[in-house]
Amino acid sequence: MMADKVTYSQDMLDPQVLADMIPAELTAQMKFTGLAAVDSTLEGRPGTTVEFPAWNYIGDAQDIKEGEPIETSSLTYGSKAATIKEIGKGGSITDQALLTGYGDPYGELSSQIAKAMANKVDNDVLATLKGATQNVTVTATVDGIQDALDIYNDEDDSRIVLLVSPKAAGQLRLKAGKDWLRGTQLGSDALTKGVYGDILGVQLVRSRKLDANEAYLVKVDGGNKPAIKLMMKRGVKVEPDRVPKLRRTDIYATSYYAPYLYDPTKVVKVTFSDVTGKSGTTGAPDNKEVDNTVTNVDEDKRIGKQKKTTGTTGKKPGEV
C-alpha cells in the first residue's frame, strides 16, 4: 500500500511576480460517459447486483397449408448481471501550505479530485466499449465506414456516433471530400458535444484516449435499450476531514457505480487497417517540472542589469 502524500509548504510557490496559476487540465476530454444512460435501479435500495433479462426471438412465421395446424414457439430469455464497485480519490494539504502558497491550492485540489473521479468513470465506460462483441477491420474511407455500418445488419433509423482517434478522423475527412459535413454545420442535430464532422449520417467524435487505428460505432437512439448503461448506487460524495493535531485538511471523494454493455448489438468495434500512430492516453496531464531558468532575455539586457549612463557624456552616475 502506498503511503499517504501531503501537500507541504515547500510544495507551494512563493509569491513572486507570477502569472495566474493554470489549473491542471485533462489532456483528453471526457467523451464516453455522455453516451451511457444512467441506471438508478440500485440507488437507495439494498443490493449490489442487477440482473437484466433479454427475450430471445421466437423465429419468423412459416408457410402453412390449408387445414394444417400452426406449430407454437415458447418464449425464452437470457440474462446478464452487473455488479457495482467503489472508486475513491483523496488529497491532503497543510495550513502552512495554504498560508504561504500562491494561487488557490485548496480550490485546485478540490477541483482536481473531482476531475480525477470523472476521468475514472469515463475510462471505465471506454473499457466497457472495448468489450464489444461485434468487430470489423476496414480502411479509413467512406467505403470503409459503410462496410462497418453493414455489420449492424438492420434497417432502423437510430442515429450513430463514431468515436475515433484524431489521426483517423483527419484521414477520414481528407478521404470523404464532398461527403464530409463539418460539425458546426450540424447545429442542434449534433448528438453530443465536440462533434468533429459527419460522414454518411455518422457523427465523428475525436478522443485521444483511443489508439490511432481504434474506433467504435455506437447507436445512441436506444430508447429503453441504450448501448451502454451506467448503474449508479451513489454519485460522487466529497468529504473534508480536519486533522487539527497536524494542522492539516484531508479531502476524500468516493462513488459507487458500474458501467455495462446493455445492448451489444448497438456497438461495433472498428479497426482501421491503413492508420498508424500513437497509442491512446488515459487523459491525465503530464507532470510539470520546476525550472525558473530565464531564457527569453539575454543576461546583459535584463531590467536592472544594464549599465546606466547620464545625459550624453557617456559617464556613469557619480563620475567627473
C-alpha atoms as a PDB file:
ATOM      1  CA  MET A   1       0.000   0.000   0.000  1.00  0.00           C
ATOM      2  CA  MET A   2       1.306   3.456  -0.901  1.00  0.00           C
ATOM      3  CA  ALA A   3       1.948   5.912   1.927  1.00  0.00           C
ATOM      4  CA  ASP A   4      -0.290   8.978   2.202  1.00  0.00           C
ATOM      5  CA  LYS A   5       1.095  12.078   0.495  1.00  0.00           C
ATOM      6  CA  VAL A   6       0.600  15.543   1.970  1.00  0.00           C
ATOM      7  CA  THR A   7       0.986  18.944   0.295  1.00  0.00           C
ATOM      8  CA  TYR A   8       3.547  20.852   2.410  1.00  0.00           C
ATOM      9  CA  SER A   9       4.611  24.477   2.218  1.00  0.00           C
ATOM     10  CA  GLN A  10       7.758  23.598   0.248  1.00  0.00           C
ATOM     11  CA  ASP A  11       5.481  22.236  -2.482  1.00  0.00           C
ATOM     12  CA  MET A  12       3.883  25.650  -2.900  1.00  0.00           C
ATOM     13  CA  LEU A  13       5.084  28.576  -4.998  1.00  0.00           C
ATOM     14  CA  ASP A  14       6.461  31.608  -3.189  1.00  0.00           C
ATOM     15  CA  PRO A  15       4.600  34.850  -4.034  1.00  0.00           C
ATOM     16  CA  GLN A  16       6.983  36.060  -6.737  1.00  0.00           C
ATOM     17  CA  VAL A  17       5.870  38.009  -9.800  1.00  0.00           C
ATOM     18  CA  LEU A  18       3.879  35.236 -11.448  1.00  0.00           C
ATOM     19  CA  ALA A  19       1.094  34.838 -13.927  1.00  0.00           C
ATOM     20  CA  ASP A  20      -2.117  33.291 -12.620  1.00  0.00           C
ATOM     21  CA  MET A  21      -1.595  29.609 -11.963  1.00  0.00           C
ATOM     22  CA  ILE A  22      -3.033  27.440 -14.723  1.00  0.00           C
ATOM     23  CA  PRO A  23      -5.160  24.574 -13.365  1.00  0.00           C
ATOM     24  CA  ALA A  24      -4.123  21.059 -14.331  1.00  0.00           C
ATOM     25  CA  GLU A  25      -6.372  20.032 -17.199  1.00  0.00           C
ATOM     26  CA  LEU A  26      -7.119  16.604 -18.586  1.00  0.00           C
ATOM     27  CA  THR A  27      -5.316  16.086 -21.894  1.00  0.00           C
ATOM     28  CA  ALA A  28      -8.260  14.170 -23.313  1.00  0.00           C
ATOM     29  CA  GLN A  29     -11.695  15.492 -22.525  1.00  0.00           C
ATOM     30  CA  MET A  30     -14.373  13.080 -21.356  1.00  0.00           C
ATOM     31  CA  LYS A  31     -16.247  11.812 -24.411  1.00  0.00           C
ATOM     32  CA  PHE A  32     -17.573   8.388 -23.412  1.00  0.00           C
ATOM     33  CA  THR A  33     -19.627   8.916 -20.245  1.00  0.00           C
ATOM     34  CA  GLY A  34     -22.167  11.070 -22.096  1.00  0.00           C
ATOM     35  CA  LEU A  35     -23.116   8.107 -24.294  1.00  0.00           C
ATOM     36  CA  ALA A  36     -24.178   5.966 -21.329  1.00  0.00           C
ATOM     37  CA  ALA A  37     -27.721   6.002 -19.944  1.00  0.00           C
ATOM     38  CA  VAL A  38     -27.806   6.325 -16.147  1.00  0.00           C
ATOM     39  CA  ASP A  39     -29.458   3.377 -14.395  1.00  0.00           C
ATOM     40  CA  SER A  40     -30.535   4.264 -10.844  1.00  0.00           C
ATOM     41  CA  THR A  41     -32.166   0.894 -10.071  1.00  0.00           C
ATOM     42  CA  LEU A  42     -29.958   0.313  -7.031  1.00  0.00           C
ATOM     43  CA  GLU A  43     -29.872   3.903  -5.765  1.00  0.00           C
ATOM     44  CA  GLY A  44     -31.248   4.000  -2.235  1.00  0.00           C
ATOM     45  CA  ARG A  45     -32.027   0.278  -2.286  1.00  0.00           C
ATOM     46  CA  PRO A  46     -30.192  -2.728  -0.807  1.00  0.00           C
ATOM     47  CA  GLY A  47     -28.147  -4.913  -3.094  1.00  0.00           C
ATOM     48  CA  THR A  48     -25.037  -4.656  -5.241  1.00  0.00           C
ATOM     49  CA  THR A  49     -26.016  -6.598  -8.371  1.00  0.00           C
ATOM     50  CA  VAL A  50     -28.656  -6.084 -11.053  1.00  0.00           C
ATOM     51  CA  GLU A  51     -29.759  -8.885 -13.365  1.00  0.00           C
ATOM     52  CA  PHE A  52     -31.340  -7.791 -16.614  1.00  0.00           C
ATOM     53  CA  PRO A  53     -33.137 -10.364 -18.796  1.00  0.00           C
ATOM     54  CA  ALA A  54     -33.454 -10.179 -22.568  1.00  0.00           C
ATOM     55  CA  TRP A  55     -36.101 -12.006 -24.556  1.00  0.00           C
ATOM     56  CA  ASN A  56     -34.963 -14.300 -27.336  1.00  0.00           C
ATOM     57  CA  TYR A  57     -36.641 -14.150 -30.741  1.00  0.00           C
ATOM     58  CA  ILE A  58     -39.296 -16.829 -31.340  1.00  0.00           C
ATOM     59  CA  GLY A  59     -38.402 -17.053 -35.039  1.00  0.00           C
ATOM     60  CA  ASP A  60     -40.041 -15.985 -38.295  1.00  0.00           C
ATOM     61  CA  ALA A  61     -43.509 -17.086 -39.348  1.00  0.00           C
ATOM     62  CA  GLN A  62     -43.672 -20.163 -41.601  1.00  0.00           C
ATOM     63  CA  ASP A  63     -45.628 -21.144 -44.681  1.00  0.00           C
ATOM     64  CA  ILE A  64     -48.598 -23.395 -43.859  1.00  0.00           C
ATOM     65  CA  LYS A  65     -51.088 -25.425 -45.878  1.00  0.00           C
ATOM     66  CA  GLU A  66     -54.848 -25.213 -45.613  1.00  0.00           C
ATOM     67  CA  GLY A  67     -56.085 -27.070 -42.565  1.00  0.00           C
ATOM     68  CA  GLU A  68     -52.550 -27.637 -41.283  1.00  0.00           C
ATOM     69  CA  PRO A  69     -52.005 -26.815 -37.580  1.00  0.00           C
ATOM     70  CA  ILE A  70     -49.645 -24.000 -36.657  1.00  0.00           C
ATOM     71  CA  GLU A  71     -46.719 -25.025 -34.511  1.00  0.00           C
ATOM     72  CA  THR A  72     -46.241 -22.920 -31.408  1.00  0.00           C
ATOM     73  CA  SER A  73     -42.992 -21.479 -30.110  1.00  0.00           C
ATOM     74  CA  SER A  74     -42.145 -20.788 -26.492  1.00  0.00           C
ATOM     75  CA  LEU A  75     -40.703 -17.584 -25.156  1.00  0.00           C
ATOM     76  CA  THR A  76     -37.188 -17.942 -23.807  1.00  0.00           C
ATOM     77  CA  TYR A  77     -34.776 -15.428 -22.389  1.00  0.00           C
ATOM     78  CA  GLY A  78     -31.187 -14.961 -21.435  1.00  0.00           C
ATOM     79  CA  SER A  79     -29.798 -12.698 -18.751  1.00  0.00           C
ATOM     80  CA  LYS A  80     -26.704 -10.779 -17.724  1.00  0.00           C
ATOM     81  CA  ALA A  81     -25.669  -9.219 -14.453  1.00  0.00           C
ATOM     82  CA  ALA A  82     -23.676  -6.155 -13.429  1.00  0.00           C
ATOM     83  CA  THR A  83     -22.139  -5.553 -10.009  1.00  0.00           C
ATOM     84  CA  ILE A  84     -21.242  -2.150  -8.624  1.00  0.00           C
ATOM     85  CA  LYS A  85     -17.793  -1.170  -7.385  1.00  0.00           C
ATOM     86  CA  GLU A  86     -16.373   1.655  -5.296  1.00  0.00           C
ATOM     87  CA  ILE A  87     -13.837   4.198  -6.512  1.00  0.00           C
ATOM     88  CA  GLY A  88     -12.140   6.909  -4.500  1.00  0.00           C
ATOM     89  CA  LYS A  89      -9.535   9.655  -4.544  1.00  0.00           C
ATOM     90  CA  GLY A  90      -8.048  11.747  -1.762  1.00  0.00           C
ATOM     91  CA  GLY A  91      -5.727  14.684  -1.223  1.00  0.00           C
ATOM     92  CA  SER A  92      -4.176  16.415   1.773  1.00  0.00           C
ATOM     93  CA  ILE A  93      -2.903  19.930   2.414  1.00  0.00           C
ATOM     94  CA  THR A  94      -1.386  21.634   5.468  1.00  0.00           C
ATOM     95  CA  ASP A  95      -2.392  25.010   6.930  1.00  0.00           C
ATOM     96  CA  GLN A  96       1.096  26.365   6.269  1.00  0.00           C
ATOM     97  CA  ALA A  97       0.852  25.404   2.599  1.00  0.00           C
ATOM     98  CA  LEU A  98      -2.417  27.328   2.375  1.00  0.00           C
ATOM     99  CA  LEU A  99      -0.998  30.399   4.122  1.00  0.00           C
ATOM    100  CA  THR A 100       2.278  30.624   2.212  1.00  0.00           C
ATOM    101  CA  GLY A 101       1.280  29.247  -1.176  1.00  0.00           C
ATOM    102  CA  TYR A 102       0.384  31.179  -4.299  1.00  0.00           C
ATOM    103  CA  GLY A 103      -2.951  30.760  -6.033  1.00  0.00           C
ATOM    104  CA  ASP A 104      -5.741  28.685  -4.507  1.00  0.00           C
ATOM    105  CA  PRO A 105      -4.224  25.318  -3.506  1.00  0.00           C
ATOM    106  CA  TYR A 106      -7.367  24.164  -1.671  1.00  0.00           C
ATOM    107  CA  GLY A 107      -9.643  25.024  -4.596  1.00  0.00           C
ATOM    108  CA  GLU A 108      -7.243  23.434  -7.064  1.00  0.00           C
ATOM    109  CA  LEU A 109      -7.009  20.244  -5.004  1.00  0.00           C
ATOM    110  CA  SER A 110     -10.805  20.008  -4.765  1.00  0.00           C
ATOM    111  CA  SER A 111     -11.159  20.614  -8.496  1.00  0.00           C
ATOM    112  CA  GLN A 112      -8.557  18.015  -9.401  1.00  0.00           C
ATOM    113  CA  ILE A 113     -10.160  15.378  -7.179  1.00  0.00           C
ATOM    114  CA  ALA A 114     -13.490  15.959  -8.957  1.00  0.00           C
ATOM    115  CA  LYS A 115     -11.786  15.672 -12.348  1.00  0.00           C
ATOM    116  CA  ALA A 116      -9.961  12.522 -11.251  1.00  0.00           C
ATOM    117  CA  MET A 117     -13.275  10.900 -10.342  1.00  0.00           C
ATOM    118  CA  ALA A 118     -14.954  11.925 -13.598  1.00  0.00           C
ATOM    119  CA  ASN A 119     -11.996  10.776 -15.692  1.00  0.00           C
ATOM    120  CA  LYS A 120     -12.049   7.390 -13.964  1.00  0.00           C
ATOM    121  CA  VAL A 121     -15.733   6.924 -14.854  1.00  0.00           C
ATOM    122  CA  ASP A 122     -15.023   7.963 -18.449  1.00  0.00           C
ATOM    123  CA  ASN A 123     -12.176   5.457 -18.736  1.00  0.00           C
ATOM    124  CA  ASP A 124     -14.366   2.704 -17.274  1.00  0.00           C
ATOM    125  CA  VAL A 125     -17.065   3.393 -19.879  1.00  0.00           C
ATOM    126  CA  LEU A 126     -14.369   3.156 -22.570  1.00  0.00           C
ATOM    127  CA  ALA A 127     -13.236  -0.169 -21.085  1.00  0.00           C
ATOM    128  CA  THR A 128     -16.841  -1.351 -21.433  1.00  0.00           C
ATOM    129  CA  LEU A 129     -16.854  -0.370 -25.120  1.00  0.00           C
ATOM    130  CA  LYS A 130     -13.668  -2.381 -25.616  1.00  0.00           C
ATOM    131  CA  GLY A 131     -15.695  -5.450 -24.697  1.00  0.00           C
ATOM    132  CA  ALA A 132     -17.810  -5.088 -27.855  1.00  0.00           C
ATOM    133  CA  THR A 133     -18.771  -8.416 -29.393  1.00  0.00           C
ATOM    134  CA  GLN A 134     -19.119  -7.076 -32.958  1.00  0.00           C
ATOM    135  CA  ASN A 135     -15.800  -6.348 -34.672  1.00  0.00           C
ATOM    136  CA  VAL A 136     -14.714  -5.287 -38.136  1.00  0.00           C
ATOM    137  CA  THR A 137     -11.482  -4.215 -39.868  1.00  0.00           C
ATOM    138  CA  VAL A 138     -11.867  -1.617 -42.633  1.00  0.00           C
ATOM    139  CA  THR A 139      -9.998   1.225 -44.321  1.00  0.00           C
ATOM    140  CA  ALA A 140     -10.394   4.831 -43.150  1.00  0.00           C
ATOM    141  CA  THR A 141     -12.530   5.792 -46.153  1.00  0.00           C
ATOM    142  CA  VAL A 142     -16.188   6.415 -46.900  1.00  0.00           C
ATOM    143  CA  ASP A 143     -16.451   2.855 -48.244  1.00  0.00           C
ATOM    144  CA  GLY A 144     -14.815   1.607 -45.048  1.00  0.00           C
ATOM    145  CA  ILE A 145     -17.384   3.396 -42.894  1.00  0.00           C
ATOM    146  CA  GLN A 146     -20.174   1.857 -44.989  1.00  0.00           C
ATOM    147  CA  ASP A 147     -18.666  -1.612 -44.514  1.00  0.00           C
ATOM    148  CA  ALA A 148     -18.608  -1.018 -40.760  1.00  0.00           C
ATOM    149  CA  LEU A 149     -22.236   0.129 -40.777  1.00  0.00           C
ATOM    150  CA  ASP A 150     -23.216  -3.057 -42.624  1.00  0.00           C
ATOM    151  CA  ILE A 151     -22.222  -5.036 -39.512  1.00  0.00           C
ATOM    152  CA  TYR A 152     -25.410  -3.792 -37.839  1.00  0.00           C
ATOM    153  CA  ASN A 153     -27.431  -5.833 -40.324  1.00  0.00           C
ATOM    154  CA  ASP A 154     -30.634  -3.901 -39.670  1.00  0.00           C
ATOM    155  CA  GLU A 155     -32.579  -1.039 -41.153  1.00  0.00           C
ATOM    156  CA  ASP A 156     -33.650   1.051 -38.166  1.00  0.00           C
ATOM    157  CA  ASP A 157     -33.243   4.810 -38.097  1.00  0.00           C
ATOM    158  CA  SER A 158     -31.070   5.052 -34.979  1.00  0.00           C
ATOM    159  CA  ARG A 159     -28.523   7.822 -35.058  1.00  0.00           C
ATOM    160  CA  ILE A 160     -24.905   6.721 -34.807  1.00  0.00           C
ATOM    161  CA  VAL A 161     -21.710   8.162 -33.340  1.00  0.00           C
ATOM    162  CA  LEU A 162     -18.215   7.096 -34.369  1.00  0.00           C
ATOM    163  CA  LEU A 163     -15.729   7.533 -31.532  1.00  0.00           C
ATOM    164  CA  VAL A 164     -12.382   7.845 -33.257  1.00  0.00           C
ATOM    165  CA  SER A 165      -8.782   8.979 -32.752  1.00  0.00           C
ATOM    166  CA  PRO A 166      -7.724  12.420 -34.072  1.00  0.00           C
ATOM    167  CA  LYS A 167      -5.358  10.703 -36.540  1.00  0.00           C
ATOM    168  CA  ALA A 168      -8.063   8.539 -38.078  1.00  0.00           C
ATOM    169  CA  ALA A 169     -10.594  11.405 -38.024  1.00  0.00           C
ATOM    170  CA  GLY A 170      -8.243  13.596 -40.048  1.00  0.00           C
ATOM    171  CA  GLN A 171      -7.674  10.835 -42.583  1.00  0.00           C
ATOM    172  CA  LEU A 172     -11.412  10.225 -42.914  1.00  0.00           C
ATOM    173  CA  ARG A 173     -12.027  13.915 -43.514  1.00  0.00           C
ATOM    174  CA  LEU A 174      -9.479  14.017 -46.327  1.00  0.00           C
ATOM    175  CA  LYS A 175     -10.876  10.884 -47.966  1.00  0.00           C
ATOM    176  CA  ALA A 176     -14.530  11.958 -47.593  1.00  0.00           C
ATOM    177  CA  GLY A 177     -14.246  15.045 -49.786  1.00  0.00           C
ATOM    178  CA  LYS A 178     -17.724  16.307 -50.719  1.00  0.00           C
ATOM    179  CA  ASP A 179     -19.298  13.672 -48.455  1.00  0.00           C
ATOM    180  CA  TRP A 180     -17.881  15.479 -45.397  1.00  0.00           C
ATOM    181  CA  LEU A 181     -20.134  17.688 -43.259  1.00  0.00           C
ATOM    182  CA  ARG A 182     -18.472  19.906 -40.640  1.00  0.00           C
ATOM    183  CA  GLY A 183     -19.569  19.602 -37.022  1.00  0.00           C
ATOM    184  CA  THR A 184     -20.531  23.295 -36.932  1.00  0.00           C
ATOM    185  CA  GLN A 185     -22.997  22.683 -39.760  1.00  0.00           C
ATOM    186  CA  LEU A 186     -24.955  20.141 -37.708  1.00  0.00           C
ATOM    187  CA  GLY A 187     -26.301  22.681 -35.228  1.00  0.00           C
ATOM    188  CA  SER A 188     -28.995  21.178 -32.993  1.00  0.00           C
ATOM    189  CA  ASP A 189     -28.627  17.830 -34.792  1.00  0.00           C
ATOM    190  CA  ALA A 190     -25.310  17.207 -33.034  1.00  0.00           C
ATOM    191  CA  LEU A 191     -25.726  14.152 -30.806  1.00  0.00           C
ATOM    192  CA  THR A 192     -23.087  15.128 -28.253  1.00  0.00           C
ATOM    193  CA  LYS A 193     -20.518  17.815 -27.506  1.00  0.00           C
ATOM    194  CA  GLY A 194     -17.409  18.070 -29.634  1.00  0.00           C
ATOM    195  CA  VAL A 195     -18.759  16.571 -32.864  1.00  0.00           C
ATOM    196  CA  TYR A 196     -15.980  16.889 -35.457  1.00  0.00           C
ATOM    197  CA  GLY A 197     -17.968  16.119 -38.580  1.00  0.00           C
ATOM    198  CA  ASP A 198     -20.412  13.804 -40.323  1.00  0.00           C
ATOM    199  CA  ILE A 199     -19.943  11.027 -42.884  1.00  0.00           C
ATOM    200  CA  LEU A 200     -22.902   9.032 -44.231  1.00  0.00           C
ATOM    201  CA  GLY A 201     -25.005  10.317 -41.335  1.00  0.00           C
ATOM    202  CA  VAL A 202     -22.447   9.084 -38.795  1.00  0.00           C
ATOM    203  CA  GLN A 203     -21.198  11.795 -36.439  1.00  0.00           C
ATOM    204  CA  LEU A 204     -17.480  11.672 -35.607  1.00  0.00           C
ATOM    205  CA  VAL A 205     -16.247  12.453 -32.097  1.00  0.00           C
ATOM    206  CA  ARG A 206     -12.480  12.534 -31.567  1.00  0.00           C
ATOM    207  CA  SER A 207     -10.725  11.232 -28.464  1.00  0.00           C
ATOM    208  CA  ARG A 208      -7.029  10.941 -27.647  1.00  0.00           C
ATOM    209  CA  LYS A 209      -7.889   8.045 -25.351  1.00  0.00           C
ATOM    210  CA  LEU A 210      -8.211   5.807 -28.412  1.00  0.00           C
ATOM    211  CA  ASP A 211      -5.338   4.168 -30.279  1.00  0.00           C
ATOM    212  CA  ALA A 212      -4.690   5.698 -33.699  1.00  0.00           C
ATOM    213  CA  ASN A 213      -6.426   2.849 -35.565  1.00  0.00           C
ATOM    214  CA  GLU A 214      -9.174   2.242 -32.981  1.00  0.00           C
ATOM    215  CA  ALA A 215     -12.803   3.380 -33.237  1.00  0.00           C
ATOM    216  CA  TYR A 216     -16.307   2.488 -32.022  1.00  0.00           C
ATOM    217  CA  LEU A 217     -19.656   2.824 -33.753  1.00  0.00           C
ATOM    218  CA  VAL A 218     -22.370   3.411 -31.149  1.00  0.00           C
ATOM    219  CA  LYS A 219     -26.115   3.713 -31.728  1.00  0.00           C
ATOM    220  CA  VAL A 220     -27.387   6.438 -29.411  1.00  0.00           C
ATOM    221  CA  ASP A 221     -31.148   6.372 -30.068  1.00  0.00           C
ATOM    222  CA  GLY A 222     -31.642   3.412 -27.788  1.00  0.00           C
ATOM    223  CA  GLY A 223     -34.861   4.394 -26.035  1.00  0.00           C
ATOM    224  CA  ASN A 224     -35.362   1.729 -23.380  1.00  0.00           C
ATOM    225  CA  LYS A 225     -32.425  -0.245 -24.760  1.00  0.00           C
ATOM    226  CA  PRO A 226     -29.336   2.000 -24.872  1.00  0.00           C
ATOM    227  CA  ALA A 227     -25.989   0.580 -25.909  1.00  0.00           C
ATOM    228  CA  ILE A 228     -24.378   1.296 -22.515  1.00  0.00           C
ATOM    229  CA  LYS A 229     -25.822   1.787 -19.059  1.00  0.00           C
ATOM    230  CA  LEU A 230     -24.087   3.379 -16.093  1.00  0.00           C
ATOM    231  CA  MET A 231     -25.566   1.809 -12.991  1.00  0.00           C
ATOM    232  CA  MET A 232     -25.291   4.273 -10.102  1.00  0.00           C
ATOM    233  CA  LYS A 233     -25.520   3.170  -6.494  1.00  0.00           C
ATOM    234  CA  ARG A 234     -24.347   6.562  -5.274  1.00  0.00           C
ATOM    235  CA  GLY A 235     -22.927   9.561  -7.082  1.00  0.00           C
ATOM    236  CA  VAL A 236     -19.719  11.338  -6.127  1.00  0.00           C
ATOM    237  CA  LYS A 237     -19.580  12.277  -2.448  1.00  0.00           C
ATOM    238  CA  VAL A 238     -16.862  14.681  -1.297  1.00  0.00           C
ATOM    239  CA  GLU A 239     -15.911  14.807   2.389  1.00  0.00           C
ATOM    240  CA  PRO A 240     -13.309  17.022   4.083  1.00  0.00           C
ATOM    241  CA  ASP A 241     -11.551  15.681   7.189  1.00  0.00           C
ATOM    242  CA  ARG A 242      -9.885  18.160   9.522  1.00  0.00           C
ATOM    243  CA  VAL A 243      -6.796  16.893  11.400  1.00  0.00           C
ATOM    244  CA  PRO A 244      -6.123  19.666  13.967  1.00  0.00           C
ATOM    245  CA  LYS A 245      -3.216  17.858  15.621  1.00  0.00           C
ATOM    246  CA  LEU A 246      -1.290  18.054  12.357  1.00  0.00           C
ATOM    247  CA  ARG A 247      -2.816  21.388  11.178  1.00  0.00           C
ATOM    248  CA  ARG A 248      -3.958  19.620   8.037  1.00  0.00           C
ATOM    249  CA  THR A 249      -7.100  19.123   5.967  1.00  0.00           C
ATOM    250  CA  ASP A 250      -7.752  15.923   4.034  1.00  0.00           C
ATOM    251  CA  ILE A 251     -10.292  15.737   1.209  1.00  0.00           C
ATOM    252  CA  TYR A 252     -11.827  12.453   0.079  1.00  0.00           C
ATOM    253  CA  ALA A 253     -14.202  11.603  -2.770  1.00  0.00           C
ATOM    254  CA  THR A 254     -15.987   8.290  -3.319  1.00  0.00           C
ATOM    255  CA  SER A 255     -18.595   6.862  -5.665  1.00  0.00           C
ATOM    256  CA  TYR A 256     -20.345   3.539  -6.285  1.00  0.00           C
ATOM    257  CA  TYR A 257     -21.244   2.553  -9.852  1.00  0.00           C
ATOM    258  CA  ALA A 258     -20.804   0.069 -12.682  1.00  0.00           C
ATOM    259  CA  PRO A 259     -20.889   0.625 -16.447  1.00  0.00           C
ATOM    260  CA  TYR A 260     -22.050  -2.293 -18.544  1.00  0.00           C
ATOM    261  CA  LEU A 261     -22.804  -3.125 -22.158  1.00  0.00           C
ATOM    262  CA  TYR A 262     -26.591  -3.298 -22.053  1.00  0.00           C
ATOM    263  CA  ASP A 263     -27.222  -3.947 -25.758  1.00  0.00           C
ATOM    264  CA  PRO A 264     -24.155  -5.395 -27.532  1.00  0.00           C
ATOM    265  CA  THR A 265     -25.911  -5.190 -30.915  1.00  0.00           C
ATOM    266  CA  LYS A 266     -25.617  -1.394 -30.805  1.00  0.00           C
ATOM    267  CA  VAL A 267     -21.802  -1.259 -30.618  1.00  0.00           C
ATOM    268  CA  VAL A 268     -19.245  -2.163 -33.301  1.00  0.00           C
ATOM    269  CA  LYS A 269     -15.524  -2.065 -32.641  1.00  0.00           C
ATOM    270  CA  VAL A 270     -13.762  -0.749 -35.754  1.00  0.00           C
ATOM    271  CA  THR A 271     -10.081  -1.246 -36.582  1.00  0.00           C
ATOM    272  CA  PHE A 272      -8.640   0.864 -39.405  1.00  0.00           C
ATOM    273  CA  SER A 273      -6.117  -1.193 -41.367  1.00  0.00           C
ATOM    274  CA  ASP A 274      -4.480   1.830 -43.008  1.00  0.00           C
ATOM    275  CA  VAL A 275      -3.991   4.077 -39.941  1.00  0.00           C
ATOM    276  CA  THR A 276      -0.867   4.007 -37.785  1.00  0.00           C
ATOM    277  CA  GLY A 277       0.211   6.254 -34.932  1.00  0.00           C
ATOM    278  CA  LYS A 278       0.237   6.755 -31.196  1.00  0.00           C
ATOM    279  CA  SER A 279      -1.463   4.653 -28.563  1.00  0.00           C
ATOM    280  CA  GLY A 280      -4.339   6.158 -26.600  1.00  0.00           C
ATOM    281  CA  THR A 281      -3.796   8.139 -23.402  1.00  0.00           C
ATOM    282  CA  THR A 282      -5.533   7.862 -20.033  1.00  0.00           C
ATOM    283  CA  GLY A 283      -6.473  11.531 -20.195  1.00  0.00           C
ATOM    284  CA  ALA A 284      -4.114  12.503 -17.358  1.00  0.00           C
ATOM    285  CA  PRO A 285      -1.823  15.506 -17.950  1.00  0.00           C
ATOM    286  CA  ASP A 286       1.966  15.263 -17.825  1.00  0.00           C
ATOM    287  CA  ASN A 287       3.588  16.458 -14.608  1.00  0.00           C
ATOM    288  CA  LYS A 288       5.274  19.856 -14.818  1.00  0.00           C
ATOM    289  CA  GLU A 289       8.819  20.313 -13.511  1.00  0.00           C
ATOM    290  CA  VAL A 290      10.059  23.405 -11.651  1.00  0.00           C
ATOM    291  CA  ASP A 291      12.505  25.312 -13.881  1.00  0.00           C
ATOM    292  CA  ASN A 292      12.989  29.038 -13.232  1.00  0.00           C
ATOM    293  CA  THR A 293      15.826  29.497 -15.721  1.00  0.00           C
ATOM    294  CA  VAL A 294      15.279  32.770 -17.637  1.00  0.00           C
ATOM    295  CA  THR A 295      15.709  32.234 -21.373  1.00  0.00           C
ATOM    296  CA  ASN A 296      13.573  34.914 -23.019  1.00  0.00           C
ATOM    297  CA  VAL A 297      16.023  37.829 -22.366  1.00  0.00           C
ATOM    298  CA  ASP A 298      19.837  37.860 -22.508  1.00  0.00           C
ATOM    299  CA  GLU A 299      21.598  38.348 -19.165  1.00  0.00           C
ATOM    300  CA  ASP A 300      23.040  41.774 -20.017  1.00  0.00           C
ATOM    301  CA  LYS A 301      19.685  43.054 -21.298  1.00  0.00           C
ATOM    302  CA  ARG A 302      17.541  42.276 -18.305  1.00  0.00           C
ATOM    303  CA  ILE A 303      15.989  45.107 -16.310  1.00  0.00           C
ATOM    304  CA  GLY A 304      18.349  46.119 -13.509  1.00  0.00           C
ATOM    305  CA  LYS A 305      21.324  44.525 -15.240  1.00  0.00           C
ATOM    306  CA  GLN A 306      22.138  47.224 -17.849  1.00  0.00           C
ATOM    307  CA  LYS A 307      24.973  49.697 -17.316  1.00  0.00           C
ATOM    308  CA  LYS A 308      23.379  53.079 -16.576  1.00  0.00           C
ATOM    309  CA  THR A 309      24.683  56.384 -18.070  1.00  0.00           C
ATOM    310  CA  THR A 310      23.588  60.029 -17.721  1.00  0.00           C
ATOM    311  CA  GLY A 311      22.938  62.582 -20.468  1.00  0.00           C
ATOM    312  CA  THR A 312      25.236  62.411 -23.485  1.00  0.00           C
ATOM    313  CA  THR A 313      28.550  62.290 -21.617  1.00  0.00           C
ATOM    314  CA  GLY A 314      28.586  58.556 -21.529  1.00  0.00           C
ATOM    315  CA  LYS A 315      29.728  58.734 -17.883  1.00  0.00           C
ATOM    316  CA  LYS A 316      28.208  56.651 -15.124  1.00  0.00           C
ATOM    317  CA  PRO A 317      26.412  58.432 -12.285  1.00  0.00           C
ATOM    318  CA  GLY A 318      28.953  59.962  -9.856  1.00  0.00           C
ATOM    319  CA  GLU A 319      31.814  60.144 -12.395  1.00  0.00           C
ATOM    320  CA  VAL A 320      33.511  63.534 -13.011  1.00  0.00           C
END
